[in-house]
Amino acid sequence: MRFPDLLIEALKKSEIPLRFEPGAEESVAKQVHDLVRLWLAAHEPPDTSTPFLKGQKALIDRLLAELEGAVDLPQ
């Protein structure tokens, strides 16, 4: 499963009254997507000069790929 699909499914199952409006899930999902993207970007290391920072960068890159739906979520 990919993150965008997971997010839409979660919104469809929620008690949000907007779910009856066409496109409501996608609209809310975009806001959540943008927020998570900013949050991850704020944690991106300024450089990768140490093994720890390289690992942190690799993790953030993986999470961003999952967020964009470019790769499947881990099982």
PDB file of N, CA and C in Angstrom:
ATOM      1  N   MET A   1       0.851  -1.179   0.000  1.00  0.00           N
ATOM      2  CA  MET A   1       0.000   0.000   0.000  1.00  0.00           C
ATOM      3  C   MET A   1       0.893   1.236   0.000  1.00  0.00           C
ATOM      4  N   ARG A   2       0.388   2.273  -0.612  1.00  0.00           N
ATOM      5  CA  ARG A   2       1.128   3.533  -0.689  1.00  0.00           C
ATOM      6  C   ARG A   2       0.483   4.556   0.248  1.00  0.00           C
ATOM      7  N   PHE A   3       1.324   5.466   0.760  1.00  0.00           N
ATOM      8  CA  PHE A   3       0.864   6.444   1.750  1.00  0.00           C
ATOM      9  C   PHE A   3      -0.347   7.257   1.272  1.00  0.00           C
ATOM     10  N   PRO A   4      -0.336   7.797   0.043  1.00  0.00           N
ATOM     11  CA  PRO A   4      -1.504   8.578  -0.386  1.00  0.00           C
ATOM     12  C   PRO A   4      -2.810   7.771  -0.335  1.00  0.00           C
ATOM     13  N   ASP A   5      -2.732   6.496  -0.712  1.00  0.00           N
ATOM     14  CA  ASP A   5      -3.924   5.641  -0.656  1.00  0.00           C
ATOM     15  C   ASP A   5      -4.355   5.403   0.790  1.00  0.00           C
ATOM     16  N   LEU A   6      -3.371   5.161   1.655  1.00  0.00           N
ATOM     17  CA  LEU A   6      -3.652   4.949   3.071  1.00  0.00           C
ATOM     18  C   LEU A   6      -4.322   6.175   3.692  1.00  0.00           C
ATOM     19  N   LEU A   7      -3.827   7.354   3.351  1.00  0.00           N
ATOM     20  CA  LEU A   7      -4.386   8.595   3.882  1.00  0.00           C
ATOM     21  C   LEU A   7      -5.827   8.798   3.414  1.00  0.00           C
ATOM     22  N   ILE A   8      -6.094   8.582   2.131  1.00  0.00           N
ATOM     23  CA  ILE A   8      -7.457   8.735   1.612  1.00  0.00           C
ATOM     24  C   ILE A   8      -8.397   7.745   2.289  1.00  0.00           C
ATOM     25  N   GLU A   9      -7.970   6.505   2.449  1.00  0.00           N
ATOM     26  CA  GLU A   9      -8.807   5.499   3.111  1.00  0.00           C
ATOM     27  C   GLU A   9      -9.099   5.884   4.557  1.00  0.00           C
ATOM     28  N   ALA A  10      -8.095   6.399   5.258  1.00  0.00           N
ATOM     29  CA  ALA A  10      -8.307   6.829   6.639  1.00  0.00           C
ATOM     30  C   ALA A  10      -9.316   7.968   6.706  1.00  0.00           C
ATOM     31  N   LEU A  11      -9.228   8.899   5.767  1.00  0.00           N
ATOM     32  CA  LEU A  11     -10.180  10.016   5.756  1.00  0.00           C
ATOM     33  C   LEU A  11     -11.593   9.542   5.432  1.00  0.00           C
ATOM     34  N   LYS A  12     -11.716   8.570   4.556  1.00  0.00           N
ATOM     35  CA  LYS A  12     -13.041   8.036   4.219  1.00  0.00           C
ATOM     36  C   LYS A  12     -13.689   7.353   5.419  1.00  0.00           C
ATOM     37  N   LYS A  13     -12.869   6.755   6.295  1.00  0.00           N
ATOM     38  CA  LYS A  13     -13.389   6.048   7.462  1.00  0.00           C
ATOM     39  C   LYS A  13     -13.607   6.976   8.655  1.00  0.00           C
ATOM     40  N   SER A  14     -13.168   8.210   8.539  1.00  0.00           N
ATOM     41  CA  SER A  14     -13.268   9.129   9.670  1.00  0.00           C
ATOM     42  C   SER A  14     -14.695   9.631   9.837  1.00  0.00           C
ATOM     43  N   GLU A  15     -14.900  10.340  10.896  1.00  0.00           N
ATOM     44  CA  GLU A  15     -16.211  10.925  11.182  1.00  0.00           C
ATOM     45  C   GLU A  15     -16.316  12.345  10.650  1.00  0.00           C
ATOM     46  N   ILE A  16     -15.417  12.718   9.766  1.00  0.00           N
ATOM     47  CA  ILE A  16     -15.430  14.073   9.205  1.00  0.00           C
ATOM     48  C   ILE A  16     -16.678  14.242   8.345  1.00  0.00           C
ATOM     49  N   PRO A  17     -17.516  15.222   8.633  1.00  0.00           N
ATOM     50  CA  PRO A  17     -18.735  15.400   7.840  1.00  0.00           C
ATOM     51  C   PRO A  17     -18.460  15.791   6.390  1.00  0.00           C
ATOM     52  N   LEU A  18     -17.247  16.241   6.083  1.00  0.00           N
ATOM     53  CA  LEU A  18     -16.911  16.627   4.718  1.00  0.00           C
ATOM     54  C   LEU A  18     -16.910  15.447   3.753  1.00  0.00           C
ATOM     55  N   ARG A  19     -16.892  14.249   4.275  1.00  0.00           N
ATOM     56  CA  ARG A  19     -16.747  13.104   3.380  1.00  0.00           C
ATOM     57  C   ARG A  19     -17.902  12.963   2.405  1.00  0.00           C
ATOM     58  N   PHE A  20     -18.982  13.678   2.631  1.00  0.00           N
ATOM     59  CA  PHE A  20     -20.121  13.598   1.721  1.00  0.00           C
ATOM     60  C   PHE A  20     -20.001  14.579   0.561  1.00  0.00           C
ATOM     61  N   GLU A  21     -19.047  15.482   0.640  1.00  0.00           N
ATOM     62  CA  GLU A  21     -18.827  16.426  -0.444  1.00  0.00           C
ATOM     63  C   GLU A  21     -17.843  15.821  -1.435  1.00  0.00           C
ATOM     64  N   PRO A  22     -18.104  15.910  -2.734  1.00  0.00           N
ATOM     65  CA  PRO A  22     -17.176  15.341  -3.720  1.00  0.00           C
ATOM     66  C   PRO A  22     -15.789  15.976  -3.603  1.00  0.00           C
ATOM     67  N   GLY A  23     -14.770  15.136  -3.558  1.00  0.00           N
ATOM     68  CA  GLY A  23     -13.400  15.618  -3.494  1.00  0.00           C
ATOM     69  C   GLY A  23     -12.932  16.045  -2.121  1.00  0.00           C
ATOM     70  N   ALA A  24     -13.757  15.873  -1.097  1.00  0.00           N
ATOM     71  CA  ALA A  24     -13.390  16.327   0.249  1.00  0.00           C
ATOM     72  C   ALA A  24     -12.169  15.585   0.782  1.00  0.00           C
ATOM     73  N   GLU A  25     -12.117  14.262   0.554  1.00  0.00           N
ATOM     74  CA  GLU A  25     -10.987  13.493   1.062  1.00  0.00           C
ATOM     75  C   GLU A  25      -9.679  13.981   0.442  1.00  0.00           C
ATOM     76  N   GLU A  26      -9.689  14.219  -0.875  1.00  0.00           N
ATOM     77  CA  GLU A  26      -8.488  14.673  -1.562  1.00  0.00           C
ATOM     78  C   GLU A  26      -8.061  16.053  -1.072  1.00  0.00           C
ATOM     79  N   SER A  27      -9.033  16.908  -0.792  1.00  0.00           N
ATOM     80  CA  SER A  27      -8.732  18.250  -0.313  1.00  0.00           C
ATOM     81  C   SER A  27      -8.065  18.209   1.061  1.00  0.00           C
ATOM     82  N   VAL A  28      -8.610  17.414   1.954  1.00  0.00           N
ATOM     83  CA  VAL A  28      -8.033  17.287   3.294  1.00  0.00           C
ATOM     84  C   VAL A  28      -6.684  16.574   3.204  1.00  0.00           C
ATOM     85  N   ALA A  29      -6.590  15.550   2.363  1.00  0.00           N
ATOM     86  CA  ALA A  29      -5.338  14.806   2.215  1.00  0.00           C
ATOM     87  C   ALA A  29      -4.221  15.718   1.729  1.00  0.00           C
ATOM     88  N   LYS A  30      -4.514  16.643   0.842  1.00  0.00           N
ATOM     89  CA  LYS A  30      -3.485  17.563   0.346  1.00  0.00           C
ATOM     90  C   LYS A  30      -2.935  18.412   1.478  1.00  0.00           C
ATOM     91  N   GLN A  31      -3.805  18.879   2.354  1.00  0.00           N
ATOM     92  CA  GLN A  31      -3.358  19.684   3.492  1.00  0.00           C
ATOM     93  C   GLN A  31      -2.462  18.868   4.418  1.00  0.00           C
ATOM     94  N   VAL A  32      -2.846  17.626   4.692  1.00  0.00           N
ATOM     95  CA  VAL A  32      -2.045  16.751   5.545  1.00  0.00           C
ATOM     96  C   VAL A  32      -0.711  16.452   4.860  1.00  0.00           C
ATOM     97  N   HIS A  33      -0.769  16.140   3.575  1.00  0.00           N
ATOM     98  CA  HIS A  33       0.443  15.856   2.789  1.00  0.00           C
ATOM     99  C   HIS A  33       1.415  17.029   2.874  1.00  0.00           C
ATOM    100  N   ASP A  34       0.933  18.237   2.650  1.00  0.00           N
ATOM    101  CA  ASP A  34       1.796  19.419   2.677  1.00  0.00           C
ATOM    102  C   ASP A  34       2.403  19.635   4.062  1.00  0.00           C
ATOM    103  N   LEU A  35       1.616  19.411   5.101  1.00  0.00           N
ATOM    104  CA  LEU A  35       2.110  19.558   6.467  1.00  0.00           C
ATOM    105  C   LEU A  35       3.202  18.541   6.772  1.00  0.00           C
ATOM    106  N   VAL A  36       2.979  17.292   6.428  1.00  0.00           N
ATOM    107  CA  VAL A  36       3.975  16.247   6.685  1.00  0.00           C
ATOM    108  C   VAL A  36       5.244  16.525   5.883  1.00  0.00           C
ATOM    109  N   ARG A  37       5.097  16.984   4.642  1.00  0.00           N
ATOM    110  CA  ARG A  37       6.263  17.308   3.810  1.00  0.00           C
ATOM    111  C   ARG A  37       7.107  18.411   4.476  1.00  0.00           C
ATOM    112  N   LEU A  38       6.460  19.453   4.968  1.00  0.00           N
ATOM    113  CA  LEU A  38       7.183  20.534   5.656  1.00  0.00           C
ATOM    114  C   LEU A  38       7.861  20.034   6.923  1.00  0.00           C
ATOM    115  N   TRP A  39       7.175  19.176   7.656  1.00  0.00           N
ATOM    116  CA  TRP A  39       7.721  18.619   8.898  1.00  0.00           C
ATOM    117  C   TRP A  39       8.975  17.800   8.601  1.00  0.00           C
ATOM    118  N   LEU A  40       8.915  16.947   7.572  1.00  0.00           N
ATOM    119  CA  LEU A  40      10.084  16.151   7.206  1.00  0.00           C
ATOM    120  C   LEU A  40      11.224  17.043   6.714  1.00  0.00           C
ATOM    121  N   ALA A  41      10.903  18.035   5.906  1.00  0.00           N
ATOM    122  CA  ALA A  41      11.937  18.939   5.386  1.00  0.00           C
ATOM    123  C   ALA A  41      12.640  19.680   6.522  1.00  0.00           C
ATOM    124  N   ALA A  42      11.913  20.002   7.577  1.00  0.00           N
ATOM    125  CA  ALA A  42      12.505  20.707   8.715  1.00  0.00           C
ATOM    126  C   ALA A  42      13.540  19.843   9.439  1.00  0.00           C
ATOM    127  N   HIS A  43      13.460  18.532   9.278  1.00  0.00           N
ATOM    128  CA  HIS A  43      14.390  17.622   9.946  1.00  0.00           C
ATOM    129  C   HIS A  43      15.515  17.144   9.031  1.00  0.00           C
ATOM    130  N   GLU A  44      15.531  17.626   7.795  1.00  0.00           N
ATOM    131  CA  GLU A  44      16.591  17.221   6.877  1.00  0.00           C
ATOM    132  C   GLU A  44      17.909  17.855   7.311  1.00  0.00           C
ATOM    133  N   PRO A  45      18.962  17.047   7.441  1.00  0.00           N
ATOM    134  CA  PRO A  45      20.239  17.603   7.909  1.00  0.00           C
ATOM    135  C   PRO A  45      20.846  18.544   6.867  1.00  0.00           C
ATOM    136  N   PRO A  46      21.556  19.576   7.339  1.00  0.00           N
ATOM    137  CA  PRO A  46      22.158  20.532   6.407  1.00  0.00           C
ATOM    138  C   PRO A  46      23.304  19.928   5.608  1.00  0.00           C
ATOM    139  N   ASP A  47      23.929  18.883   6.147  1.00  0.00           N
ATOM    140  CA  ASP A  47      25.002  18.203   5.426  1.00  0.00           C
ATOM    141  C   ASP A  47      24.992  16.732   5.829  1.00  0.00           C
ATOM    142  N   THR A  48      25.791  15.946   5.164  1.00  0.00           N
ATOM    143  CA  THR A  48      25.867  14.516   5.473  1.00  0.00           C
ATOM    144  C   THR A  48      27.318  14.131   5.788  1.00  0.00           C
ATOM    145  N   SER A  49      27.948  14.938   6.628  1.00  0.00           N
ATOM    146  CA  SER A  49      29.365  14.757   6.932  1.00  0.00           C
ATOM    147  C   SER A  49      29.646  13.645   7.939  1.00  0.00           C
ATOM    148  N   THR A  50      28.624  13.141   8.610  1.00  0.00           N
ATOM    149  CA  THR A  50      28.831  12.056   9.575  1.00  0.00           C
ATOM    150  C   THR A  50      27.925  10.885   9.208  1.00  0.00           C
ATOM    151  N   PRO A  51      28.259   9.694   9.670  1.00  0.00           N
ATOM    152  CA  PRO A  51      27.382   8.545   9.398  1.00  0.00           C
ATOM    153  C   PRO A  51      25.956   8.751   9.929  1.00  0.00           C
ATOM    154  N   PHE A  52      25.828   9.391  11.088  1.00  0.00           N
ATOM    155  CA  PHE A  52      24.496   9.648  11.636  1.00  0.00           C
ATOM    156  C   PHE A  52      23.687  10.530  10.692  1.00  0.00           C
ATOM    157  N   LEU A  53      24.293  11.613  10.218  1.00  0.00           N
ATOM    158  CA  LEU A  53      23.579  12.529   9.325  1.00  0.00           C
ATOM    159  C   LEU A  53      23.263  11.873   7.987  1.00  0.00           C
ATOM    160  N   LYS A  54      24.155  11.008   7.511  1.00  0.00           N
ATOM    161  CA  LYS A  54      23.870  10.257   6.280  1.00  0.00           C
ATOM    162  C   LYS A  54      22.659   9.357   6.478  1.00  0.00           C
ATOM    163  N   GLY A  55      22.595   8.696   7.633  1.00  0.00           N
ATOM    164  CA  GLY A  55      21.450   7.842   7.949  1.00  0.00           C
ATOM    165  C   GLY A  55      20.163   8.643   8.076  1.00  0.00           C
ATOM    166  N   GLN A  56      20.254   9.791   8.724  1.00  0.00           N
ATOM    167  CA  GLN A  56      19.078  10.648   8.874  1.00  0.00           C
ATOM    168  C   GLN A  56      18.580  11.108   7.499  1.00  0.00           C
ATOM    169  N   LYS A  57      19.507  11.493   6.627  1.00  0.00           N
ATOM    170  CA  LYS A  57      19.147  11.921   5.277  1.00  0.00           C
ATOM    171  C   LYS A  57      18.501  10.779   4.493  1.00  0.00           C
ATOM    172  N   ALA A  58      19.059   9.583   4.614  1.00  0.00           N
ATOM    173  CA  ALA A  58      18.502   8.416   3.920  1.00  0.00           C
ATOM    174  C   ALA A  58      17.086   8.121   4.405  1.00  0.00           C
ATOM    175  N   LEU A  59      16.872   8.226   5.713  1.00  0.00           N
ATOM    176  CA  LEU A  59      15.536   7.982   6.263  1.00  0.00           C
ATOM    177  C   LEU A  59      14.547   9.025   5.762  1.00  0.00           C
ATOM    178  N   ILE A  60      14.930  10.274   5.790  1.00  0.00           N
ATOM    179  CA  ILE A  60      14.027  11.335   5.326  1.00  0.00           C
ATOM    180  C   ILE A  60      13.730  11.164   3.844  1.00  0.00           C
ATOM    181  N   ASP A  61      14.740  10.798   3.060  1.00  0.00           N
ATOM    182  CA  ASP A  61      14.505  10.550   1.635  1.00  0.00           C
ATOM    183  C   ASP A  61      13.503   9.420   1.434  1.00  0.00           C
ATOM    184  N   ARG A  62      13.631   8.368   2.229  1.00  0.00           N
ATOM    185  CA  ARG A  62      12.694   7.231   2.129  1.00  0.00           C
ATOM    186  C   ARG A  62      11.281   7.665   2.527  1.00  0.00           C
ATOM    187  N   LEU A  63      11.165   8.411   3.617  1.00  0.00           N
ATOM    188  CA  LEU A  63       9.850   8.865   4.065  1.00  0.00           C
ATOM    189  C   LEU A  63       9.205   9.798   3.041  1.00  0.00           C
ATOM    190  N   LEU A  64       9.990  10.655   2.430  1.00  0.00           N
ATOM    191  CA  LEU A  64       9.449  11.537   1.395  1.00  0.00           C
ATOM    192  C   LEU A  64       8.978  10.733   0.183  1.00  0.00           C
ATOM    193  N   ALA A  65       9.720   9.698  -0.177  1.00  0.00           N
ATOM    194  CA  ALA A  65       9.308   8.837  -1.289  1.00  0.00           C
ATOM    195  C   ALA A  65       7.997   8.134  -0.959  1.00  0.00           C
ATOM    196  N   GLU A  66       7.858   7.680   0.281  1.00  0.00           N
ATOM    197  CA  GLU A  66       6.599   7.054   0.705  1.00  0.00           C
ATOM    198  C   GLU A  66       5.468   8.077   0.688  1.00  0.00           C
ATOM    199  N   LEU A  67       5.737   9.266   1.172  1.00  0.00           N
ATOM    200  CA  LEU A  67       4.729  10.326   1.204  1.00  0.00           C
ATOM    201  C   LEU A  67       4.213  10.637  -0.192  1.00  0.00           C
ATOM    202  N   GLU A  68       5.111  10.657  -1.161  1.00  0.00           N
ATOM    203  CA  GLU A  68       4.738  10.968  -2.549  1.00  0.00           C
ATOM    204  C   GLU A  68       4.095   9.780  -3.249  1.00  0.00           C
ATOM    205  N   GLY A  69       4.144   8.613  -2.624  1.00  0.00           N
ATOM    206  CA  GLY A  69       3.583   7.423  -3.252  1.00  0.00           C
ATOM    207  C   GLY A  69       4.519   6.790  -4.271  1.00  0.00           C
ATOM    208  N   ALA A  70       5.785   7.164  -4.231  1.00  0.00           N
ATOM    209  CA  ALA A  70       6.764   6.639  -5.184  1.00  0.00           C
ATOM    210  C   ALA A  70       7.180   5.214  -4.831  1.00  0.00           C
ATOM    211  N   VAL A  71       7.063   4.855  -3.557  1.00  0.00           N
ATOM    212  CA  VAL A  71       7.398   3.500  -3.102  1.00  0.00           C
ATOM    213  C   VAL A  71       6.303   3.026  -2.147  1.00  0.00           C
ATOM    214  N   ASP A  72       6.198   1.706  -2.040  1.00  0.00           N
ATOM    215  CA  ASP A  72       5.219   1.132  -1.121  1.00  0.00           C
ATOM    216  C   ASP A  72       5.665   1.323   0.320  1.00  0.00           C
ATOM    217  N   LEU A  73       4.697   1.340   1.220  1.00  0.00           N
ATOM    218  CA  LEU A  73       5.001   1.369   2.642  1.00  0.00           C
ATOM    219  C   LEU A  73       5.559   0.016   3.061  1.00  0.00           C
ATOM    220  N   PRO A  74       6.427  -0.029   4.063  1.00  0.00           N
ATOM    221  CA  PRO A  74       6.919  -1.341   4.535  1.00  0.00           C
ATOM    222  C   PRO A  74       5.762  -2.157   5.106  1.00  0.00           C
ATOM    223  N   GLN A  75       5.893  -3.441   4.990  1.00  0.00           N
ATOM    224  CA  GLN A  75       4.840  -4.332   5.502  1.00  0.00           C
ATOM    225  C   GLN A  75       4.845  -4.420   7.004  1.00  0.00           C
TER     226      GLN A  75
END
